[in-house]
Amino acid sequence: MKPDRIVIGAESEKAFKLLRNLYEPFVRQGNPIIEMDIRSAEVTKYAANSYLATRITFMNELANFCEKAGANVDLVRKGMGSDTRIGKRFLFPGIGYGGSCFPKDVNALIKTSLDFGSELTLLTLVDKINKEQRLRFFNKIKNHFDGNLKGKSFAVWGLAFKPNTDDMREAPSVPVIKMLIESGAKVKAFDPAAMENARFYLNDLIDYADSMYDVLPGADALIIFTEWNEFRNPDFQKVKSLLKQPLIFDGRNVYDLDDMEELGFIYYSIGRKTIRGKF
C-alpha cells in the first residue's frame, strides 16, 4: 500500500495513462512512477528480488566463513551496513531465504536466461548456496550428536519462512525438519501463525503444540527457525528446566552470545562462535 516505486510496463500511452491514474493515489508522498517497455519491466521485477536474494546469500556464505575464521558476522554486518553504498537491509544471515517471491523469481530469471542463451551464472550459484545453507544447519545439529539422531527429540520454535506471516512456501524449516525425521528424530513445533499451513507441507510427520513452552518438555534441544518477537525474550530458566539439556540451535541469531554464555546454554548460531555455557 506504500510502495517505494511503481514500475509500469506498457506499449501505448493509453495504457500508461490508465495505470498512472490507478496507482498515483499510492505514491502521493512523491515516490516515483517509472514507465518503460514491457520486457524491461519484467526484467526489473525479477532482477530486484534476485538482487535481494543475492545479498542474503552473500551474507550466509560470509557467515559460514566467519565461523571458520573466528569472526562474528553480526559485527561484520554492522560494519558493512554503516556504509551508505551498501545499507543495512537484507544483510542478516540465517538458514536461507524462502517465501513466495525470492525462490520463484530467482529460478524464473535463471530459466529465462538459459532460454536466451545468456546464463546468469551468479544466480545459479545463489540458488545452489541457498539450498546448501539448510543442509549446513542440519549438519550442525547432526554433528553435535556425533552423527546419530535416531531417537532424539527436538523442540521447534517457528515454522513460517519469516515472522509475522503464516506463509510456509519455500520455508527453510521444511527441508531441515524432513532431514531430522529421515534421520530417526522426533519433532514437536510451535508457530504463532503458520501451524495450519505447515500441516500441508509436513502432514503428520511432526507434532504441534499450543504454546512455545509446550514443545520443550523432554526435548534434547530447541531449534529456532523463525525470529518471531515472542521468542526474543523467553523465560530462559524455564527453557532450561524443561529441556533435557540447555542446548539451542538458532538459525536466526536471535540471542546475544554473552547472555547465552552467562545463562549456561550450549548455543549454536550462524556465523558466530559456539557457546558452551558456564555451568
C-alpha atoms as a PDB file:
ATOM      1  CA  MET A   1       0.000   0.000   0.000  1.00  0.00           C
ATOM      2  CA  LYS A   2       3.040   2.281   0.373  1.00  0.00           C
ATOM      3  CA  PRO A   3       5.417   1.209  -2.410  1.00  0.00           C
ATOM      4  CA  ASP A   4       8.892   2.654  -2.911  1.00  0.00           C
ATOM      5  CA  ARG A   5       8.089   2.937  -6.589  1.00  0.00           C
ATOM      6  CA  ILE A   6       5.596   1.825  -9.206  1.00  0.00           C
ATOM      7  CA  VAL A   7       7.058   0.230 -12.342  1.00  0.00           C
ATOM      8  CA  ILE A   8       4.717   0.199 -15.326  1.00  0.00           C
ATOM      9  CA  GLY A   9       5.464  -1.772 -18.472  1.00  0.00           C
ATOM     10  CA  ALA A  10       3.235  -0.868 -21.408  1.00  0.00           C
ATOM     11  CA  GLU A  11       3.185  -0.404 -25.168  1.00  0.00           C
ATOM     12  CA  SER A  12       0.881   2.588 -25.527  1.00  0.00           C
ATOM     13  CA  GLU A  13       0.301   5.974 -23.971  1.00  0.00           C
ATOM     14  CA  LYS A  14      -3.304   4.963 -23.291  1.00  0.00           C
ATOM     15  CA  ALA A  15      -2.128   2.055 -21.122  1.00  0.00           C
ATOM     16  CA  PHE A  16       0.416   4.224 -19.302  1.00  0.00           C
ATOM     17  CA  LYS A  17      -2.276   6.806 -18.550  1.00  0.00           C
ATOM     18  CA  LEU A  18      -4.754   4.256 -17.223  1.00  0.00           C
ATOM     19  CA  LEU A  19      -2.186   2.659 -14.927  1.00  0.00           C
ATOM     20  CA  ARG A  20      -0.800   6.026 -13.865  1.00  0.00           C
ATOM     21  CA  ASN A  21      -4.274   7.132 -12.763  1.00  0.00           C
ATOM     22  CA  LEU A  22      -4.810   3.821 -10.975  1.00  0.00           C
ATOM     23  CA  TYR A  23      -1.587   3.897  -8.956  1.00  0.00           C
ATOM     24  CA  GLU A  24      -0.985   7.611  -8.314  1.00  0.00           C
ATOM     25  CA  PRO A  25      -3.023   7.563  -5.059  1.00  0.00           C
ATOM     26  CA  PHE A  26      -0.477   5.129  -3.590  1.00  0.00           C
ATOM     27  CA  VAL A  27       2.539   7.383  -4.171  1.00  0.00           C
ATOM     28  CA  ARG A  28       1.227  10.788  -3.104  1.00  0.00           C
ATOM     29  CA  GLN A  29       4.333  11.361  -0.969  1.00  0.00           C
ATOM     30  CA  GLY A  30       6.436  11.570  -4.097  1.00  0.00           C
ATOM     31  CA  ASN A  31       7.724   8.060  -4.682  1.00  0.00           C
ATOM     32  CA  PRO A  32       8.187   7.641  -8.425  1.00  0.00           C
ATOM     33  CA  ILE A  33       6.084   6.022 -11.083  1.00  0.00           C
ATOM     34  CA  ILE A  34       8.575   4.627 -13.592  1.00  0.00           C
ATOM     35  CA  GLU A  35       7.375   3.896 -17.102  1.00  0.00           C
ATOM     36  CA  MET A  36       9.144   1.561 -19.504  1.00  0.00           C
ATOM     37  CA  ASP A  37       8.633  -1.105 -22.144  1.00  0.00           C
ATOM     38  CA  ILE A  38       7.077  -4.389 -21.109  1.00  0.00           C
ATOM     39  CA  ARG A  39      10.222  -6.527 -21.368  1.00  0.00           C
ATOM     40  CA  SER A  40      12.266  -4.098 -19.263  1.00  0.00           C
ATOM     41  CA  ALA A  41       9.516  -4.047 -16.618  1.00  0.00           C
ATOM     42  CA  GLU A  42       9.522  -7.840 -16.484  1.00  0.00           C
ATOM     43  CA  VAL A  43      13.291  -7.946 -16.008  1.00  0.00           C
ATOM     44  CA  THR A  44      13.114  -5.191 -13.376  1.00  0.00           C
ATOM     45  CA  LYS A  45      10.681  -7.216 -11.284  1.00  0.00           C
ATOM     46  CA  TYR A  46      12.781 -10.372 -11.390  1.00  0.00           C
ATOM     47  CA  ALA A  47      16.078  -8.509 -11.007  1.00  0.00           C
ATOM     48  CA  ALA A  48      15.013  -6.645  -7.855  1.00  0.00           C
ATOM     49  CA  ASN A  49      14.074  -9.787  -5.939  1.00  0.00           C
ATOM     50  CA  SER A  50      17.038 -11.720  -7.315  1.00  0.00           C
ATOM     51  CA  TYR A  51      19.422  -8.998  -6.136  1.00  0.00           C
ATOM     52  CA  LEU A  52      17.962  -9.091  -2.623  1.00  0.00           C
ATOM     53  CA  ALA A  53      18.234 -12.887  -2.613  1.00  0.00           C
ATOM     54  CA  THR A  54      21.867 -12.478  -3.669  1.00  0.00           C
ATOM     55  CA  ARG A  55      22.566 -10.127  -0.745  1.00  0.00           C
ATOM     56  CA  ILE A  56      21.121 -12.631   1.703  1.00  0.00           C
ATOM     57  CA  THR A  57      23.087 -15.457   0.111  1.00  0.00           C
ATOM     58  CA  PHE A  58      26.331 -13.471   0.241  1.00  0.00           C
ATOM     59  CA  MET A  59      25.804 -12.895   3.965  1.00  0.00           C
ATOM     60  CA  ASN A  60      25.141 -16.591   4.519  1.00  0.00           C
ATOM     61  CA  GLU A  61      28.373 -17.536   2.771  1.00  0.00           C
ATOM     62  CA  LEU A  62      30.194 -14.839   4.711  1.00  0.00           C
ATOM     63  CA  ALA A  63      28.702 -16.174   7.941  1.00  0.00           C
ATOM     64  CA  ASN A  64      29.997 -19.655   7.154  1.00  0.00           C
ATOM     65  CA  PHE A  65      33.433 -18.146   6.565  1.00  0.00           C
ATOM     66  CA  CYS A  66      33.244 -16.150   9.807  1.00  0.00           C
ATOM     67  CA  GLU A  67      32.649 -19.338  11.777  1.00  0.00           C
ATOM     68  CA  LYS A  68      35.841 -20.853  10.366  1.00  0.00           C
ATOM     69  CA  ALA A  69      37.875 -17.649  10.683  1.00  0.00           C
ATOM     70  CA  GLY A  70      36.757 -16.832  14.232  1.00  0.00           C
ATOM     71  CA  ALA A  71      34.926 -13.625  13.303  1.00  0.00           C
ATOM     72  CA  ASN A  72      31.447 -12.524  14.411  1.00  0.00           C
ATOM     73  CA  VAL A  73      29.163 -11.979  11.426  1.00  0.00           C
ATOM     74  CA  ASP A  74      26.888  -9.706  13.471  1.00  0.00           C
ATOM     75  CA  LEU A  75      29.730  -7.240  13.950  1.00  0.00           C
ATOM     76  CA  VAL A  76      30.773  -7.585  10.310  1.00  0.00           C
ATOM     77  CA  ARG A  77      27.180  -6.912   9.245  1.00  0.00           C
ATOM     78  CA  LYS A  78      27.039  -3.722  11.304  1.00  0.00           C
ATOM     79  CA  GLY A  79      30.316  -2.523   9.863  1.00  0.00           C
ATOM     80  CA  MET A  80      29.173  -3.227   6.317  1.00  0.00           C
ATOM     81  CA  GLY A  81      25.699  -1.788   6.758  1.00  0.00           C
ATOM     82  CA  SER A  82      27.003   1.551   8.000  1.00  0.00           C
ATOM     83  CA  ASP A  83      28.439   2.151   4.520  1.00  0.00           C
ATOM     84  CA  THR A  84      25.763   4.172   2.719  1.00  0.00           C
ATOM     85  CA  ARG A  85      26.719   2.483  -0.563  1.00  0.00           C
ATOM     86  CA  ILE A  86      25.639  -0.832   0.962  1.00  0.00           C
ATOM     87  CA  GLY A  87      22.932  -0.031   3.518  1.00  0.00           C
ATOM     88  CA  LYS A  88      21.618  -2.074   6.441  1.00  0.00           C
ATOM     89  CA  ARG A  89      18.787  -4.074   4.913  1.00  0.00           C
ATOM     90  CA  PHE A  90      18.943  -7.714   3.810  1.00  0.00           C
ATOM     91  CA  LEU A  91      22.304  -8.302   5.494  1.00  0.00           C
ATOM     92  CA  PHE A  92      21.071 -10.741   8.142  1.00  0.00           C
ATOM     93  CA  PRO A  93      22.489 -14.259   7.842  1.00  0.00           C
ATOM     94  CA  GLY A  94      20.370 -17.295   8.565  1.00  0.00           C
ATOM     95  CA  ILE A  95      19.304 -20.621   7.105  1.00  0.00           C
ATOM     96  CA  GLY A  96      18.389 -19.303   3.679  1.00  0.00           C
ATOM     97  CA  TYR A  97      15.657 -17.243   2.066  1.00  0.00           C
ATOM     98  CA  GLY A  98      12.188 -18.604   1.377  1.00  0.00           C
ATOM     99  CA  GLY A  99       8.676 -17.398   0.721  1.00  0.00           C
ATOM    100  CA  SER A 100       6.665 -16.880  -2.430  1.00  0.00           C
ATOM    101  CA  CYS A 101       8.876 -14.334  -4.231  1.00  0.00           C
ATOM    102  CA  PHE A 102      12.618 -14.840  -3.889  1.00  0.00           C
ATOM    103  CA  PRO A 103      12.884 -18.562  -4.819  1.00  0.00           C
ATOM    104  CA  LYS A 104      10.349 -18.228  -7.627  1.00  0.00           C
ATOM    105  CA  ASP A 105      11.866 -15.108  -9.147  1.00  0.00           C
ATOM    106  CA  VAL A 106      15.457 -16.328  -8.879  1.00  0.00           C
ATOM    107  CA  ASN A 107      14.564 -19.560 -10.657  1.00  0.00           C
ATOM    108  CA  ALA A 108      12.429 -17.767 -13.241  1.00  0.00           C
ATOM    109  CA  LEU A 109      15.293 -15.442 -14.119  1.00  0.00           C
ATOM    110  CA  ILE A 110      17.732 -18.367 -14.297  1.00  0.00           C
ATOM    111  CA  LYS A 111      15.371 -20.282 -16.607  1.00  0.00           C
ATOM    112  CA  THR A 112      14.761 -17.258 -18.828  1.00  0.00           C
ATOM    113  CA  SER A 113      18.485 -16.536 -19.067  1.00  0.00           C
ATOM    114  CA  LEU A 114      19.059 -20.099 -20.257  1.00  0.00           C
ATOM    115  CA  ASP A 115      16.235 -19.748 -22.781  1.00  0.00           C
ATOM    116  CA  PHE A 116      18.012 -16.723 -24.263  1.00  0.00           C
ATOM    117  CA  GLY A 117      21.443 -18.377 -24.197  1.00  0.00           C
ATOM    118  CA  SER A 118      22.836 -15.934 -21.635  1.00  0.00           C
ATOM    119  CA  GLU A 119      23.058 -17.860 -18.384  1.00  0.00           C
ATOM    120  CA  LEU A 120      23.090 -15.793 -15.188  1.00  0.00           C
ATOM    121  CA  THR A 121      25.784 -17.892 -13.520  1.00  0.00           C
ATOM    122  CA  LEU A 122      25.774 -15.877 -10.312  1.00  0.00           C
ATOM    123  CA  LEU A 123      22.072 -16.573  -9.741  1.00  0.00           C
ATOM    124  CA  THR A 124      22.591 -20.267 -10.422  1.00  0.00           C
ATOM    125  CA  LEU A 125      25.098 -20.254  -7.566  1.00  0.00           C
ATOM    126  CA  VAL A 126      22.768 -18.202  -5.371  1.00  0.00           C
ATOM    127  CA  ASP A 127      20.071 -20.855  -5.714  1.00  0.00           C
ATOM    128  CA  LYS A 128      22.580 -23.650  -5.042  1.00  0.00           C
ATOM    129  CA  ILE A 129      24.079 -21.960  -1.984  1.00  0.00           C
ATOM    130  CA  ASN A 130      20.643 -21.183  -0.578  1.00  0.00           C
ATOM    131  CA  LYS A 131      19.699 -24.871  -0.671  1.00  0.00           C
ATOM    132  CA  GLU A 132      23.042 -25.867   0.845  1.00  0.00           C
ATOM    133  CA  GLN A 133      22.523 -23.474   3.759  1.00  0.00           C
ATOM    134  CA  ARG A 134      19.681 -25.653   5.068  1.00  0.00           C
ATOM    135  CA  LEU A 135      21.925 -28.716   4.890  1.00  0.00           C
ATOM    136  CA  ARG A 136      24.698 -26.880   6.739  1.00  0.00           C
ATOM    137  CA  PHE A 137      22.303 -26.085   9.571  1.00  0.00           C
ATOM    138  CA  PHE A 138      21.093 -29.671   9.711  1.00  0.00           C
ATOM    139  CA  ASN A 139      24.691 -30.890   9.846  1.00  0.00           C
ATOM    140  CA  LYS A 140      25.375 -28.634  12.843  1.00  0.00           C
ATOM    141  CA  ILE A 141      22.644 -30.471  14.682  1.00  0.00           C
ATOM    142  CA  LYS A 142      23.741 -33.892  13.473  1.00  0.00           C
ATOM    143  CA  ASN A 143      27.415 -33.315  14.250  1.00  0.00           C
ATOM    144  CA  HIS A 144      26.643 -32.227  17.794  1.00  0.00           C
ATOM    145  CA  PHE A 145      25.092 -35.645  18.363  1.00  0.00           C
ATOM    146  CA  ASP A 146      28.065 -37.449  16.756  1.00  0.00           C
ATOM    147  CA  GLY A 147      26.112 -38.225  13.604  1.00  0.00           C
ATOM    148  CA  ASN A 148      23.328 -40.165  15.306  1.00  0.00           C
ATOM    149  CA  LEU A 149      19.894 -38.527  15.608  1.00  0.00           C
ATOM    150  CA  LYS A 150      17.880 -41.709  15.961  1.00  0.00           C
ATOM    151  CA  GLY A 151      15.513 -41.430  18.902  1.00  0.00           C
ATOM    152  CA  LYS A 152      16.390 -37.780  19.551  1.00  0.00           C
ATOM    153  CA  SER A 153      13.564 -35.342  20.247  1.00  0.00           C
ATOM    154  CA  PHE A 154      13.634 -31.731  19.064  1.00  0.00           C
ATOM    155  CA  ALA A 155      11.534 -28.750  20.051  1.00  0.00           C
ATOM    156  CA  VAL A 156      10.959 -26.204  17.283  1.00  0.00           C
ATOM    157  CA  TRP A 157      10.101 -22.524  17.567  1.00  0.00           C
ATOM    158  CA  GLY A 158       8.886 -21.064  14.301  1.00  0.00           C
ATOM    159  CA  LEU A 159       7.888 -22.698  11.016  1.00  0.00           C
ATOM    160  CA  ALA A 160       6.989 -19.819   8.662  1.00  0.00           C
ATOM    161  CA  PHE A 161       9.678 -18.529   6.307  1.00  0.00           C
ATOM    162  CA  LYS A 162       9.691 -15.203   8.179  1.00  0.00           C
ATOM    163  CA  PRO A 163       7.908 -13.683  11.201  1.00  0.00           C
ATOM    164  CA  ASN A 164       4.514 -12.005  11.069  1.00  0.00           C
ATOM    165  CA  THR A 165       3.154 -14.309   8.379  1.00  0.00           C
ATOM    166  CA  ASP A 166       1.587 -17.749   8.086  1.00  0.00           C
ATOM    167  CA  ASP A 167       3.358 -18.319   4.746  1.00  0.00           C
ATOM    168  CA  MET A 168       5.109 -21.689   4.532  1.00  0.00           C
ATOM    169  CA  ARG A 169       6.082 -21.518   0.878  1.00  0.00           C
ATOM    170  CA  GLU A 170       9.749 -22.487   0.497  1.00  0.00           C
ATOM    171  CA  ALA A 171      10.184 -22.169   4.272  1.00  0.00           C
ATOM    172  CA  PRO A 172      13.666 -23.397   5.286  1.00  0.00           C
ATOM    173  CA  SER A 173      12.117 -25.183   8.265  1.00  0.00           C
ATOM    174  CA  VAL A 174      10.510 -27.797   5.998  1.00  0.00           C
ATOM    175  CA  PRO A 175      13.612 -29.413   4.432  1.00  0.00           C
ATOM    176  CA  VAL A 176      15.524 -29.307   7.738  1.00  0.00           C
ATOM    177  CA  ILE A 177      12.646 -30.934   9.633  1.00  0.00           C
ATOM    178  CA  LYS A 178      12.307 -33.595   6.939  1.00  0.00           C
ATOM    179  CA  MET A 179      16.029 -34.358   7.250  1.00  0.00           C
ATOM    180  CA  LEU A 180      15.618 -34.698  11.014  1.00  0.00           C
ATOM    181  CA  ILE A 181      12.677 -37.074  10.608  1.00  0.00           C
ATOM    182  CA  GLU A 182      14.521 -39.129   7.972  1.00  0.00           C
ATOM    183  CA  SER A 183      17.390 -39.440  10.458  1.00  0.00           C
ATOM    184  CA  GLY A 184      15.085 -41.003  13.026  1.00  0.00           C
ATOM    185  CA  ALA A 185      14.395 -37.940  15.182  1.00  0.00           C
ATOM    186  CA  LYS A 186      11.082 -36.693  16.525  1.00  0.00           C
ATOM    187  CA  VAL A 187       9.947 -33.067  16.232  1.00  0.00           C
ATOM    188  CA  LYS A 188       7.359 -31.028  18.112  1.00  0.00           C
ATOM    189  CA  ALA A 189       6.785 -27.482  16.851  1.00  0.00           C
ATOM    190  CA  PHE A 190       5.060 -24.222  17.660  1.00  0.00           C
ATOM    191  CA  ASP A 191       4.484 -21.244  15.395  1.00  0.00           C
ATOM    192  CA  PRO A 192       2.175 -18.341  16.322  1.00  0.00           C
ATOM    193  CA  ALA A 193       0.504 -18.297  12.900  1.00  0.00           C
ATOM    194  CA  ALA A 194       1.727 -20.950  10.481  1.00  0.00           C
ATOM    195  CA  MET A 195       0.901 -24.315  12.041  1.00  0.00           C
ATOM    196  CA  GLU A 196      -2.230 -24.903   9.985  1.00  0.00           C
ATOM    197  CA  ASN A 197      -0.376 -24.213   6.752  1.00  0.00           C
ATOM    198  CA  ALA A 198       2.585 -26.265   7.986  1.00  0.00           C
ATOM    199  CA  ARG A 199       0.396 -29.360   8.033  1.00  0.00           C
ATOM    200  CA  PHE A 200       0.065 -29.091   4.248  1.00  0.00           C
ATOM    201  CA  TYR A 201       3.858 -29.355   3.885  1.00  0.00           C
ATOM    202  CA  LEU A 202       4.693 -31.642   6.794  1.00  0.00           C
ATOM    203  CA  ASN A 203       1.461 -33.641   7.161  1.00  0.00           C
ATOM    204  CA  ASP A 204       1.687 -35.727  10.313  1.00  0.00           C
ATOM    205  CA  LEU A 205       5.475 -36.010  10.313  1.00  0.00           C
ATOM    206  CA  ILE A 206       5.671 -33.823  13.424  1.00  0.00           C
ATOM    207  CA  ASP A 207       3.601 -32.947  16.475  1.00  0.00           C
ATOM    208  CA  TYR A 208       2.226 -29.467  17.090  1.00  0.00           C
ATOM    209  CA  ALA A 209       1.949 -27.631  20.408  1.00  0.00           C
ATOM    210  CA  ASP A 210      -0.364 -24.927  21.710  1.00  0.00           C
ATOM    211  CA  SER A 211       2.396 -22.703  23.084  1.00  0.00           C
ATOM    212  CA  MET A 212       6.129 -22.111  22.801  1.00  0.00           C
ATOM    213  CA  TYR A 213       6.810 -23.792  26.134  1.00  0.00           C
ATOM    214  CA  ASP A 214       4.673 -26.860  25.409  1.00  0.00           C
ATOM    215  CA  VAL A 215       7.215 -28.082  22.832  1.00  0.00           C
ATOM    216  CA  LEU A 216      10.085 -28.161  25.343  1.00  0.00           C
ATOM    217  CA  PRO A 217       9.476 -30.909  27.951  1.00  0.00           C
ATOM    218  CA  GLY A 218      11.895 -33.764  27.416  1.00  0.00           C
ATOM    219  CA  ALA A 219      13.380 -32.407  24.179  1.00  0.00           C
ATOM    220  CA  ASP A 220      17.072 -32.973  23.523  1.00  0.00           C
ATOM    221  CA  ALA A 221      17.401 -29.475  22.029  1.00  0.00           C
ATOM    222  CA  LEU A 222      15.495 -26.402  20.913  1.00  0.00           C
ATOM    223  CA  ILE A 223      15.697 -25.336  17.255  1.00  0.00           C
ATOM    224  CA  ILE A 224      14.724 -21.809  16.161  1.00  0.00           C
ATOM    225  CA  PHE A 225      13.685 -21.396  12.531  1.00  0.00           C
ATOM    226  CA  THR A 226      11.730 -18.108  12.656  1.00  0.00           C
ATOM    227  CA  GLU A 227      12.564 -14.943  14.619  1.00  0.00           C
ATOM    228  CA  TRP A 228       9.085 -14.175  15.960  1.00  0.00           C
ATOM    229  CA  ASN A 229       9.068 -11.448  18.630  1.00  0.00           C
ATOM    230  CA  GLU A 230       7.514 -13.934  21.062  1.00  0.00           C
ATOM    231  CA  PHE A 231      10.755 -15.896  21.028  1.00  0.00           C
ATOM    232  CA  ARG A 232      13.124 -12.986  21.685  1.00  0.00           C
ATOM    233  CA  ASN A 233      12.703 -12.727  25.457  1.00  0.00           C
ATOM    234  CA  PRO A 234      11.656 -16.114  26.798  1.00  0.00           C
ATOM    235  CA  ASP A 235      11.919 -17.299  30.375  1.00  0.00           C
ATOM    236  CA  PHE A 236      15.337 -18.876  29.906  1.00  0.00           C
ATOM    237  CA  GLN A 237      15.292 -20.600  33.287  1.00  0.00           C
ATOM    238  CA  LYS A 238      12.024 -22.243  32.326  1.00  0.00           C
ATOM    239  CA  VAL A 239      13.502 -23.271  28.987  1.00  0.00           C
ATOM    240  CA  LYS A 240      16.483 -24.841  30.768  1.00  0.00           C
ATOM    241  CA  SER A 241      14.310 -26.672  33.242  1.00  0.00           C
ATOM    242  CA  LEU A 242      12.113 -28.216  30.531  1.00  0.00           C
ATOM    243  CA  LEU A 243      14.824 -29.293  28.070  1.00  0.00           C
ATOM    244  CA  LYS A 244      16.883 -32.424  28.726  1.00  0.00           C
ATOM    245  CA  GLN A 245      19.957 -30.241  28.393  1.00  0.00           C
ATOM    246  CA  PRO A 246      20.399 -26.484  27.834  1.00  0.00           C
ATOM    247  CA  LEU A 247      21.002 -26.809  24.084  1.00  0.00           C
ATOM    248  CA  ILE A 248      19.766 -24.378  21.389  1.00  0.00           C
ATOM    249  CA  PHE A 249      20.334 -24.346  17.634  1.00  0.00           C
ATOM    250  CA  ASP A 250      19.423 -20.851  16.473  1.00  0.00           C
ATOM    251  CA  GLY A 251      19.008 -20.388  12.730  1.00  0.00           C
ATOM    252  CA  ARG A 252      18.276 -16.660  13.035  1.00  0.00           C
ATOM    253  CA  ASN A 253      20.802 -15.336  15.591  1.00  0.00           C
ATOM    254  CA  VAL A 254      18.039 -14.248  17.934  1.00  0.00           C
ATOM    255  CA  TYR A 255      20.094 -14.166  21.138  1.00  0.00           C
ATOM    256  CA  ASP A 256      23.214 -12.392  22.383  1.00  0.00           C
ATOM    257  CA  LEU A 257      26.274 -14.602  22.743  1.00  0.00           C
ATOM    258  CA  ASP A 258      27.355 -13.196  26.106  1.00  0.00           C
ATOM    259  CA  ASP A 259      23.855 -13.656  27.507  1.00  0.00           C
ATOM    260  CA  MET A 260      23.697 -17.269  26.405  1.00  0.00           C
ATOM    261  CA  GLU A 261      27.095 -17.996  27.908  1.00  0.00           C
ATOM    262  CA  GLU A 262      26.129 -16.403  31.213  1.00  0.00           C
ATOM    263  CA  LEU A 263      22.845 -18.339  31.260  1.00  0.00           C
ATOM    264  CA  GLY A 264      24.705 -21.610  30.795  1.00  0.00           C
ATOM    265  CA  PHE A 265      23.419 -22.681  27.389  1.00  0.00           C
ATOM    266  CA  ILE A 266      25.154 -24.632  24.679  1.00  0.00           C
ATOM    267  CA  TYR A 267      24.293 -22.321  21.831  1.00  0.00           C
ATOM    268  CA  TYR A 268      24.843 -22.742  18.109  1.00  0.00           C
ATOM    269  CA  SER A 269      24.031 -19.826  15.782  1.00  0.00           C
ATOM    270  CA  ILE A 270      25.001 -18.599  12.305  1.00  0.00           C
ATOM    271  CA  GLY A 271      28.389 -17.000  11.633  1.00  0.00           C
ATOM    272  CA  ARG A 272      29.342 -16.738  15.302  1.00  0.00           C
ATOM    273  CA  LYS A 273      31.306 -18.847  17.756  1.00  0.00           C
ATOM    274  CA  THR A 274      29.586 -21.731  19.516  1.00  0.00           C
ATOM    275  CA  ILE A 275      28.833 -21.045  23.164  1.00  0.00           C
ATOM    276  CA  ARG A 276      29.434 -23.854  25.629  1.00  0.00           C
ATOM    277  CA  GLY A 277      27.932 -22.069  28.641  1.00  0.00           C
ATOM    278  CA  LYS A 278      29.065 -21.524  32.184  1.00  0.00           C
ATOM    279  CA  PHE A 279      27.800 -24.473  34.170  1.00  0.00           C
END
